[in-house]
């Protein structure tokens, strides 16, 4: 039990450190959105571009299926909801492996 408590304390400390490190980025994005014509999405893209240029990171496209594969249950739920909104009822069965 002591090990679990120690791990939880360490996780809280890391979470706090990450939050403090990301605060300037959050502030920058908030300040950008105060400019006319800059939406939240545009502000986040600008902040990401600044980070890429500053760190010299190369762009890597994750591909069109990245989010679908990342969380399949959300993708399935979203697609079923869309079909249901079109008046269709669908039964989903996993394919045989």
PDB file of N, CA and C in Angstrom:
ATOM      1  N   UNK A   1       0.822  -1.199   0.000  1.00  0.00           N
ATOM      2  CA  UNK A   1       0.000   0.000   0.000  1.00  0.00           C
ATOM      3  C   UNK A   1       0.864   1.260   0.000  1.00  0.00           C
ATOM      4  N   UNK A   2       2.003   1.182   0.693  1.00  0.00           N
ATOM      5  CA  UNK A   2       2.899   2.339   0.730  1.00  0.00           C
ATOM      6  C   UNK A   2       3.466   2.636  -0.653  1.00  0.00           C
ATOM      7  N   UNK A   3       3.733   1.576  -1.414  1.00  0.00           N
ATOM      8  CA  UNK A   3       4.265   1.759  -2.760  1.00  0.00           C
ATOM      9  C   UNK A   3       3.250   2.471  -3.652  1.00  0.00           C
ATOM     10  N   UNK A   4       1.987   2.091  -3.532  1.00  0.00           N
ATOM     11  CA  UNK A   4       0.931   2.733  -4.316  1.00  0.00           C
ATOM     12  C   UNK A   4       0.808   4.204  -3.940  1.00  0.00           C
ATOM     13  N   UNK A   5       0.843   4.489  -2.646  1.00  0.00           N
ATOM     14  CA  UNK A   5       0.770   5.878  -2.190  1.00  0.00           C
ATOM     15  C   UNK A   5       1.953   6.690  -2.721  1.00  0.00           C
ATOM     16  N   UNK A   6       3.141   6.075  -2.705  1.00  0.00           N
ATOM     17  CA  UNK A   6       4.330   6.765  -3.194  1.00  0.00           C
ATOM     18  C   UNK A   6       4.215   7.022  -4.701  1.00  0.00           C
ATOM     19  N   UNK A   7       3.697   6.037  -5.449  1.00  0.00           N
ATOM     20  CA  UNK A   7       3.518   6.209  -6.887  1.00  0.00           C
ATOM     21  C   UNK A   7       2.493   7.294  -7.192  1.00  0.00           C
ATOM     22  N   UNK A   8       1.400   7.315  -6.453  1.00  0.00           N
ATOM     23  CA  UNK A   8       0.387   8.353  -6.655  1.00  0.00           C
ATOM     24  C   UNK A   8       0.954   9.729  -6.359  1.00  0.00           C
ATOM     25  N   UNK A   9       1.765   9.849  -5.317  1.00  0.00           N
ATOM     26  CA  UNK A   9       2.388  11.134  -4.987  1.00  0.00           C
ATOM     27  C   UNK A   9       3.342  11.561  -6.093  1.00  0.00           C
ATOM     28  N   UNK A  10       4.116  10.598  -6.621  1.00  0.00           N
ATOM     29  CA  UNK A  10       5.045  10.914  -7.704  1.00  0.00           C
ATOM     30  C   UNK A  10       4.287  11.348  -8.950  1.00  0.00           C
ATOM     31  N   UNK A  11       3.166  10.684  -9.261  1.00  0.00           N
ATOM     32  CA  UNK A  11       2.352  11.062 -10.416  1.00  0.00           C
ATOM     33  C   UNK A  11       1.779  12.462 -10.254  1.00  0.00           C
ATOM     34  N   UNK A  12       1.324  12.790  -9.060  1.00  0.00           N
ATOM     35  CA  UNK A  12       0.807  14.140  -8.817  1.00  0.00           C
ATOM     36  C   UNK A  12       1.901  15.185  -9.018  1.00  0.00           C
ATOM     37  N   UNK A  13       3.120  14.866  -8.573  1.00  0.00           N
ATOM     38  CA  UNK A  13       4.239  15.800  -8.723  1.00  0.00           C
ATOM     39  C   UNK A  13       4.591  15.992 -10.202  1.00  0.00           C
ATOM     40  N   UNK A  14       4.624  14.901 -10.956  1.00  0.00           N
ATOM     41  CA  UNK A  14       4.917  14.997 -12.390  1.00  0.00           C
ATOM     42  C   UNK A  14       3.817  15.784 -13.093  1.00  0.00           C
ATOM     43  N   UNK A  15       2.557  15.496 -12.745  1.00  0.00           N
ATOM     44  CA  UNK A  15       1.435  16.200 -13.347  1.00  0.00           C
ATOM     45  C   UNK A  15       1.530  17.700 -13.076  1.00  0.00           C
ATOM     46  N   UNK A  16       1.884  18.049 -11.875  1.00  0.00           N
ATOM     47  CA  UNK A  16       2.030  19.456 -11.505  1.00  0.00           C
ATOM     48  C   UNK A  16       3.177  20.101 -12.288  1.00  0.00           C
ATOM     49  N   UNK A  17       4.287  19.388 -12.414  1.00  0.00           N
ATOM     50  CA  UNK A  17       5.438  19.919 -13.148  1.00  0.00           C
ATOM     51  C   UNK A  17       5.107  20.135 -14.616  1.00  0.00           C
ATOM     52  N   UNK A  18       4.412  19.176 -15.217  1.00  0.00           N
ATOM     53  CA  UNK A  18       4.026  19.303 -16.624  1.00  0.00           C
ATOM     54  C   UNK A  18       3.065  20.478 -16.788  1.00  0.00           C
ATOM     55  N   UNK A  19       2.109  20.601 -15.875  1.00  0.00           N
ATOM     56  CA  UNK A  19       1.161  21.719 -15.932  1.00  0.00           C
ATOM     57  C   UNK A  19       1.854  23.064 -15.860  1.00  0.00           C
ATOM     58  N   UNK A  20       2.860  23.173 -14.981  1.00  0.00           N
ATOM     59  CA  UNK A  20       3.610  24.428 -14.862  1.00  0.00           C
ATOM     60  C   UNK A  20       4.423  24.701 -16.122  1.00  0.00           C
ATOM     61  N   UNK A  21       4.989  23.641 -16.711  1.00  0.00           N
ATOM     62  CA  UNK A  21       5.796  23.816 -17.916  1.00  0.00           C
ATOM     63  C   UNK A  21       4.941  24.228 -19.105  1.00  0.00           C
ATOM     64  N   UNK A  22       3.700  23.767 -19.150  1.00  0.00           N
ATOM     65  CA  UNK A  22       2.816  24.081 -20.274  1.00  0.00           C
ATOM     66  C   UNK A  22       2.078  25.406 -20.122  1.00  0.00           C
ATOM     67  N   UNK A  23       2.136  26.009 -18.967  1.00  0.00           N
ATOM     68  CA  UNK A  23       1.393  27.239 -18.728  1.00  0.00           C
ATOM     69  C   UNK A  23       1.757  28.358 -19.706  1.00  0.00           C
ATOM     70  N   UNK A  24       3.051  28.596 -20.009  1.00  0.00           N
ATOM     71  CA  UNK A  24       3.356  29.657 -20.991  1.00  0.00           C
ATOM     72  C   UNK A  24       2.735  29.392 -22.364  1.00  0.00           C
ATOM     73  N   UNK A  25       2.645  28.133 -22.745  1.00  0.00           N
ATOM     74  CA  UNK A  25       2.040  27.785 -24.029  1.00  0.00           C
ATOM     75  C   UNK A  25       0.552  28.098 -23.998  1.00  0.00           C
ATOM     76  N   UNK A  26      -0.106  27.741 -22.906  1.00  0.00           N
ATOM     77  CA  UNK A  26      -1.538  28.044 -22.766  1.00  0.00           C
ATOM     78  C   UNK A  26      -1.786  29.544 -22.799  1.00  0.00           C
ATOM     79  N   UNK A  27      -0.939  30.296 -22.102  1.00  0.00           N
ATOM     80  CA  UNK A  27      -1.086  31.758 -22.069  1.00  0.00           C
ATOM     81  C   UNK A  27      -0.902  32.329 -23.472  1.00  0.00           C
ATOM     82  N   UNK A  28       0.103  31.831 -24.199  1.00  0.00           N
ATOM     83  CA  UNK A  28       0.332  32.303 -25.563  1.00  0.00           C
ATOM     84  C   UNK A  28      -0.860  32.043 -26.462  1.00  0.00           C
ATOM     85  N   UNK A  29      -1.442  30.861 -26.356  1.00  0.00           N
ATOM     86  CA  UNK A  29      -2.615  30.536 -27.173  1.00  0.00           C
ATOM     87  C   UNK A  29      -3.793  31.430 -26.801  1.00  0.00           C
ATOM     88  N   UNK A  30      -3.980  31.679 -25.490  1.00  0.00           N
ATOM     89  CA  UNK A  30      -5.083  32.558 -25.064  1.00  0.00           C
ATOM     90  C   UNK A  30      -4.884  33.976 -25.580  1.00  0.00           C
ATOM     91  N   UNK A  31      -3.647  34.464 -25.532  1.00  0.00           N
ATOM     92  CA  UNK A  31      -3.374  35.816 -26.019  1.00  0.00           C
ATOM     93  C   UNK A  31      -3.604  35.918 -27.531  1.00  0.00           C
ATOM     94  N   UNK A  32      -3.247  34.879 -28.260  1.00  0.00           N
ATOM     95  CA  UNK A  32      -3.460  34.899 -29.706  1.00  0.00           C
ATOM     96  C   UNK A  32      -4.939  34.993 -30.053  1.00  0.00           C
ATOM     97  N   UNK A  33      -5.785  34.350 -29.258  1.00  0.00           N
ATOM     98  CA  UNK A  33      -7.224  34.364 -29.563  1.00  0.00           C
ATOM     99  C   UNK A  33      -7.847  35.732 -29.325  1.00  0.00           C
ATOM    100  N   UNK A  34      -7.143  36.625 -28.636  1.00  0.00           N
ATOM    101  CA  UNK A  34      -7.684  37.977 -28.438  1.00  0.00           C
ATOM    102  C   UNK A  34      -7.491  38.836 -29.677  1.00  0.00           C
ATOM    103  N   UNK A  35      -6.661  38.367 -30.604  1.00  0.00           N
ATOM    104  CA  UNK A  35      -6.446  39.116 -31.855  1.00  0.00           C
ATOM    105  C   UNK A  35      -7.624  38.881 -32.785  1.00  0.00           C
ATOM    106  N   UNK A  36      -8.093  39.915 -33.469  1.00  0.00           N
ATOM    107  CA  UNK A  36      -9.217  39.741 -34.396  1.00  0.00           C
ATOM    108  C   UNK A  36      -8.875  38.736 -35.499  1.00  0.00           C
ATOM    109  N   UNK A  37      -9.789  37.817 -35.735  1.00  0.00           N
ATOM    110  CA  UNK A  37      -9.620  36.846 -36.805  1.00  0.00           C
ATOM    111  C   UNK A  37      -8.846  35.604 -36.420  1.00  0.00           C
ATOM    112  N   UNK A  38      -8.396  35.499 -35.182  1.00  0.00           N
ATOM    113  CA  UNK A  38      -7.641  34.322 -34.755  1.00  0.00           C
ATOM    114  C   UNK A  38      -8.537  33.462 -33.864  1.00  0.00           C
ATOM    115  N   UNK A  39      -8.906  32.295 -34.379  1.00  0.00           N
ATOM    116  CA  UNK A  39      -9.759  31.386 -33.606  1.00  0.00           C
ATOM    117  C   UNK A  39      -8.893  30.521 -32.696  1.00  0.00           C
ATOM    118  N   UNK A  40      -9.542  29.704 -31.863  1.00  0.00           N
ATOM    119  CA  UNK A  40      -8.820  28.793 -30.981  1.00  0.00           C
ATOM    120  C   UNK A  40      -7.955  27.827 -31.778  1.00  0.00           C
ATOM    121  N   UNK A  41      -8.502  27.314 -32.868  1.00  0.00           N
ATOM    122  CA  UNK A  41      -7.764  26.346 -33.681  1.00  0.00           C
ATOM    123  C   UNK A  41      -6.535  26.992 -34.304  1.00  0.00           C
ATOM    124  N   UNK A  42      -6.723  28.183 -34.863  1.00  0.00           N
ATOM    125  CA  UNK A  42      -5.600  28.890 -35.483  1.00  0.00           C
ATOM    126  C   UNK A  42      -4.528  29.188 -34.432  1.00  0.00           C
ATOM    127  N   UNK A  43      -4.940  29.601 -33.248  1.00  0.00           N
ATOM    128  CA  UNK A  43      -3.981  29.893 -32.181  1.00  0.00           C
ATOM    129  C   UNK A  43      -3.185  28.648 -31.821  1.00  0.00           C
ATOM    130  N   UNK A  44      -3.854  27.501 -31.731  1.00  0.00           N
ATOM    131  CA  UNK A  44      -3.144  26.260 -31.400  1.00  0.00           C
ATOM    132  C   UNK A  44      -2.186  25.845 -32.510  1.00  0.00           C
ATOM    133  N   UNK A  45      -2.573  26.075 -33.760  1.00  0.00           N
ATOM    134  CA  UNK A  45      -1.681  25.760 -34.883  1.00  0.00           C
ATOM    135  C   UNK A  45      -0.452  26.662 -34.834  1.00  0.00           C
ATOM    136  N   UNK A  46      -0.658  27.933 -34.556  1.00  0.00           N
ATOM    137  CA  UNK A  46       0.474  28.873 -34.469  1.00  0.00           C
ATOM    138  C   UNK A  46       1.423  28.454 -33.356  1.00  0.00           C
ATOM    139  N   UNK A  47       0.888  28.122 -32.206  1.00  0.00           N
ATOM    140  CA  UNK A  47       1.727  27.694 -31.084  1.00  0.00           C
ATOM    141  C   UNK A  47       2.489  26.411 -31.451  1.00  0.00           C
ATOM    142  N   UNK A  48       1.825  25.469 -32.131  1.00  0.00           N
ATOM    143  CA  UNK A  48       2.501  24.238 -32.555  1.00  0.00           C
ATOM    144  C   UNK A  48       3.615  24.543 -33.544  1.00  0.00           C
ATOM    145  N   UNK A  49       3.343  25.442 -34.487  1.00  0.00           N
ATOM    146  CA  UNK A  49       4.366  25.816 -35.474  1.00  0.00           C
ATOM    147  C   UNK A  49       5.572  26.462 -34.794  1.00  0.00           C
ATOM    148  N   UNK A  50       5.319  27.311 -33.823  1.00  0.00           N
ATOM    149  CA  UNK A  50       6.425  27.940 -33.094  1.00  0.00           C
ATOM    150  C   UNK A  50       7.280  26.871 -32.430  1.00  0.00           C
ATOM    151  N   UNK A  51       6.621  25.883 -31.813  1.00  0.00           N
ATOM    152  CA  UNK A  51       7.364  24.796 -31.175  1.00  0.00           C
ATOM    153  C   UNK A  51       8.164  23.991 -32.175  1.00  0.00           C
ATOM    154  N   UNK A  52       7.588  23.720 -33.334  1.00  0.00           N
ATOM    155  CA  UNK A  52       8.285  22.958 -34.376  1.00  0.00           C
ATOM    156  C   UNK A  52       9.503  23.737 -34.871  1.00  0.00           C
ATOM    157  N   UNK A  53       9.322  25.025 -35.123  1.00  0.00           N
ATOM    158  CA  UNK A  53      10.431  25.840 -35.609  1.00  0.00           C
ATOM    159  C   UNK A  53      11.516  26.001 -34.542  1.00  0.00           C
ATOM    160  N   UNK A  54      11.106  26.181 -33.297  1.00  0.00           N
ATOM    161  CA  UNK A  54      12.060  26.376 -32.217  1.00  0.00           C
ATOM    162  C   UNK A  54      12.888  25.121 -31.965  1.00  0.00           C
ATOM    163  N   UNK A  55      12.231  23.952 -31.961  1.00  0.00           N
ATOM    164  CA  UNK A  55      12.912  22.704 -31.628  1.00  0.00           C
ATOM    165  C   UNK A  55      13.559  22.031 -32.830  1.00  0.00           C
ATOM    166  N   UNK A  56      13.233  22.490 -34.031  1.00  0.00           N
ATOM    167  CA  UNK A  56      13.775  21.866 -35.224  1.00  0.00           C
ATOM    168  C   UNK A  56      13.147  20.516 -35.521  1.00  0.00           C
ATOM    169  N   UNK A  57      11.955  20.299 -35.002  1.00  0.00           N
ATOM    170  CA  UNK A  57      11.251  19.037 -35.223  1.00  0.00           C
ATOM    171  C   UNK A  57      10.737  18.982 -36.649  1.00  0.00           C
ATOM    172  N   UNK A  58      10.863  17.818 -37.269  1.00  0.00           N
ATOM    173  CA  UNK A  58      10.338  17.655 -38.611  1.00  0.00           C
ATOM    174  C   UNK A  58       8.885  17.207 -38.538  1.00  0.00           C
ATOM    175  N   UNK A  59       8.093  17.691 -39.493  1.00  0.00           N
ATOM    176  CA  UNK A  59       6.677  17.330 -39.547  1.00  0.00           C
ATOM    177  C   UNK A  59       6.540  15.870 -39.953  1.00  0.00           C
ATOM    178  N   UNK A  60       5.661  15.154 -39.248  1.00  0.00           N
ATOM    179  CA  UNK A  60       5.395  13.755 -39.571  1.00  0.00           C
ATOM    180  C   UNK A  60       3.888  13.574 -39.620  1.00  0.00           C
ATOM    181  N   UNK A  61       3.368  13.288 -40.810  1.00  0.00           N
ATOM    182  CA  UNK A  61       1.936  13.094 -40.983  1.00  0.00           C
ATOM    183  C   UNK A  61       1.533  11.754 -40.368  1.00  0.00           C
ATOM    184  N   UNK A  62       0.541  11.772 -39.501  1.00  0.00           N
ATOM    185  CA  UNK A  62       0.102  10.549 -38.828  1.00  0.00           C
ATOM    186  C   UNK A  62      -0.822   9.713 -39.693  1.00  0.00           C
ATOM    187  N   UNK A  63      -1.302  10.269 -40.772  1.00  0.00           N
ATOM    188  CA  UNK A  63      -2.140   9.516 -41.699  1.00  0.00           C
ATOM    189  C   UNK A  63      -3.618   9.716 -41.435  1.00  0.00           C
ATOM    190  N   UNK A  64      -4.436   9.402 -42.438  1.00  0.00           N
ATOM    191  CA  UNK A  64      -5.875   9.656 -42.327  1.00  0.00           C
ATOM    192  C   UNK A  64      -6.588   8.751 -41.324  1.00  0.00           C
ATOM    193  N   UNK A  65      -6.024   7.617 -41.015  1.00  0.00           N
ATOM    194  CA  UNK A  65      -6.683   6.670 -40.109  1.00  0.00           C
ATOM    195  C   UNK A  65      -6.187   6.773 -38.673  1.00  0.00           C
ATOM    196  N   UNK A  66      -5.346   7.749 -38.366  1.00  0.00           N
ATOM    197  CA  UNK A  66      -4.733   7.838 -37.040  1.00  0.00           C
ATOM    198  C   UNK A  66      -5.768   7.889 -35.921  1.00  0.00           C
ATOM    199  N   UNK A  67      -6.711   8.816 -36.007  1.00  0.00           N
ATOM    200  CA  UNK A  67      -7.678   8.968 -34.927  1.00  0.00           C
ATOM    201  C   UNK A  67      -8.674   7.818 -34.884  1.00  0.00           C
ATOM    202  N   UNK A  68      -9.010   7.262 -36.057  1.00  0.00           N
ATOM    203  CA  UNK A  68      -9.926   6.118 -36.094  1.00  0.00           C
ATOM    204  C   UNK A  68      -9.298   4.911 -35.402  1.00  0.00           C
ATOM    205  N   UNK A  69      -8.018   4.703 -35.602  1.00  0.00           N
ATOM    206  CA  UNK A  69      -7.331   3.576 -34.988  1.00  0.00           C
ATOM    207  C   UNK A  69      -6.999   3.842 -33.520  1.00  0.00           C
ATOM    208  N   UNK A  70      -6.809   5.104 -33.184  1.00  0.00           N
ATOM    209  CA  UNK A  70      -6.420   5.462 -31.818  1.00  0.00           C
ATOM    210  C   UNK A  70      -7.512   5.130 -30.812  1.00  0.00           C
ATOM    211  N   UNK A  71      -8.737   5.414 -31.146  1.00  0.00           N
ATOM    212  CA  UNK A  71      -9.837   5.127 -30.232  1.00  0.00           C
ATOM    213  C   UNK A  71     -10.997   4.548 -31.034  1.00  0.00           C
ATOM    214  N   UNK A  72     -10.932   3.248 -31.256  1.00  0.00           N
ATOM    215  CA  UNK A  72     -11.914   2.592 -32.107  1.00  0.00           C
ATOM    216  C   UNK A  72     -13.324   2.656 -31.529  1.00  0.00           C
ATOM    217  N   UNK A  73     -13.460   2.580 -30.200  1.00  0.00           N
ATOM    218  CA  UNK A  73     -14.802   2.602 -29.616  1.00  0.00           C
ATOM    219  C   UNK A  73     -15.494   3.941 -29.870  1.00  0.00           C
ATOM    220  N   UNK A  74     -14.749   5.042 -29.799  1.00  0.00           N
ATOM    221  CA  UNK A  74     -15.337   6.356 -30.091  1.00  0.00           C
ATOM    222  C   UNK A  74     -15.722   6.458 -31.562  1.00  0.00           C
ATOM    223  N   UNK A  75     -14.871   5.929 -32.428  1.00  0.00           N
ATOM    224  CA  UNK A  75     -15.166   5.962 -33.861  1.00  0.00           C
ATOM    225  C   UNK A  75     -16.420   5.169 -34.169  1.00  0.00           C
ATOM    226  N   UNK A  76     -16.532   3.985 -33.582  1.00  0.00           N
ATOM    227  CA  UNK A  76     -17.715   3.144 -33.795  1.00  0.00           C
ATOM    228  C   UNK A  76     -18.966   3.852 -33.293  1.00  0.00           C
ATOM    229  N   UNK A  77     -18.908   4.416 -32.096  1.00  0.00           N
ATOM    230  CA  UNK A  77     -20.060   5.120 -31.526  1.00  0.00           C
ATOM    231  C   UNK A  77     -20.483   6.294 -32.395  1.00  0.00           C
ATOM    232  N   UNK A  78     -19.506   7.064 -32.881  1.00  0.00           N
ATOM    233  CA  UNK A  78     -19.798   8.226 -33.713  1.00  0.00           C
ATOM    234  C   UNK A  78     -20.457   7.803 -35.024  1.00  0.00           C
ATOM    235  N   UNK A  79     -19.927   6.762 -35.643  1.00  0.00           N
ATOM    236  CA  UNK A  79     -20.496   6.319 -36.912  1.00  0.00           C
ATOM    237  C   UNK A  79     -21.893   5.725 -36.728  1.00  0.00           C
ATOM    238  N   UNK A  80     -22.100   4.973 -35.639  1.00  0.00           N
ATOM    239  CA  UNK A  80     -23.434   4.431 -35.367  1.00  0.00           C
ATOM    240  C   UNK A  80     -24.447   5.545 -35.123  1.00  0.00           C
ATOM    241  N   UNK A  81     -24.021   6.582 -34.410  1.00  0.00           N
ATOM    242  CA  UNK A  81     -24.905   7.721 -34.141  1.00  0.00           C
ATOM    243  C   UNK A  81     -25.275   8.420 -35.448  1.00  0.00           C
ATOM    244  N   UNK A  82     -24.295   8.574 -36.346  1.00  0.00           N
ATOM    245  CA  UNK A  82     -24.579   9.221 -37.634  1.00  0.00           C
ATOM    246  C   UNK A  82     -25.566   8.397 -38.456  1.00  0.00           C
ATOM    247  N   UNK A  83     -25.376   7.077 -38.467  1.00  0.00           N
ATOM    248  CA  UNK A  83     -26.309   6.210 -39.192  1.00  0.00           C
ATOM    249  C   UNK A  83     -27.698   6.268 -38.569  1.00  0.00           C
ATOM    250  N   UNK A  84     -27.760   6.286 -37.248  1.00  0.00           N
ATOM    251  CA  UNK A  84     -29.031   6.372 -36.544  1.00  0.00           C
ATOM    252  C   UNK A  84     -29.737   7.680 -36.878  1.00  0.00           C
ATOM    253  N   UNK A  85     -28.982   8.766 -36.978  1.00  0.00           N
ATOM    254  CA  UNK A  85     -29.562  10.065 -37.341  1.00  0.00           C
ATOM    255  C   UNK A  85     -30.120  10.067 -38.750  1.00  0.00           C
ATOM    256  N   UNK A  86     -29.599   9.177 -39.594  1.00  0.00           N
ATOM    257  CA  UNK A  86     -30.108   9.054 -40.960  1.00  0.00           C
ATOM    258  C   UNK A  86     -31.307   8.096 -41.033  1.00  0.00           C
ATOM    259  N   UNK A  87     -31.728   7.579 -39.883  1.00  0.00           N
ATOM    260  CA  UNK A  87     -32.887   6.696 -39.846  1.00  0.00           C
ATOM    261  C   UNK A  87     -32.551   5.232 -40.053  1.00  0.00           C
ATOM    262  N   UNK A  88     -31.299   4.868 -39.875  1.00  0.00           N
ATOM    263  CA  UNK A  88     -30.878   3.485 -40.060  1.00  0.00           C
ATOM    264  C   UNK A  88     -30.525   2.858 -38.721  1.00  0.00           C
ATOM    265  N   UNK A  89     -30.898   1.607 -38.559  1.00  0.00           N
ATOM    266  CA  UNK A  89     -30.509   0.873 -37.351  1.00  0.00           C
ATOM    267  C   UNK A  89     -29.543  -0.214 -37.775  1.00  0.00           C
ATOM    268  N   UNK A  90     -28.398  -0.267 -37.135  1.00  0.00           N
ATOM    269  CA  UNK A  90     -27.316  -1.156 -37.560  1.00  0.00           C
ATOM    270  C   UNK A  90     -26.895  -2.028 -36.397  1.00  0.00           C
ATOM    271  N   UNK A  91     -26.605  -3.284 -36.688  1.00  0.00           N
ATOM    272  CA  UNK A  91     -26.055  -4.188 -35.685  1.00  0.00           C
ATOM    273  C   UNK A  91     -24.590  -4.390 -36.030  1.00  0.00           C
ATOM    274  N   UNK A  92     -23.713  -4.242 -35.068  1.00  0.00           N
ATOM    275  CA  UNK A  92     -22.287  -4.343 -35.304  1.00  0.00           C
ATOM    276  C   UNK A  92     -21.755  -5.637 -34.689  1.00  0.00           C
ATOM    277  N   UNK A  93     -21.038  -6.423 -35.504  1.00  0.00           N
ATOM    278  CA  UNK A  93     -20.411  -7.649 -35.034  1.00  0.00           C
ATOM    279  C   UNK A  93     -18.933  -7.597 -35.429  1.00  0.00           C
ATOM    280  N   UNK A  94     -18.058  -8.017 -34.525  1.00  0.00           N
ATOM    281  CA  UNK A  94     -16.623  -8.031 -34.889  1.00  0.00           C
ATOM    282  C   UNK A  94     -16.372  -9.100 -35.958  1.00  0.00           C
ATOM    283  N   UNK A  95     -15.410  -8.821 -36.816  1.00  0.00           N
ATOM    284  CA  UNK A  95     -15.059  -9.785 -37.860  1.00  0.00           C
ATOM    285  C   UNK A  95     -14.229 -10.902 -37.255  1.00  0.00           C
ATOM    286  N   UNK A  96     -14.300 -12.077 -37.857  1.00  0.00           N
ATOM    287  CA  UNK A  96     -13.511 -13.218 -37.377  1.00  0.00           C
ATOM    288  C   UNK A  96     -12.050 -12.970 -37.720  1.00  0.00           C
ATOM    289  N   UNK A  97     -11.201 -13.195 -36.765  1.00  0.00           N
ATOM    290  CA  UNK A  97      -9.772 -12.930 -36.977  1.00  0.00           C
ATOM    291  C   UNK A  97      -9.081 -14.055 -37.703  1.00  0.00           C
TER     292      UNK A  97
END
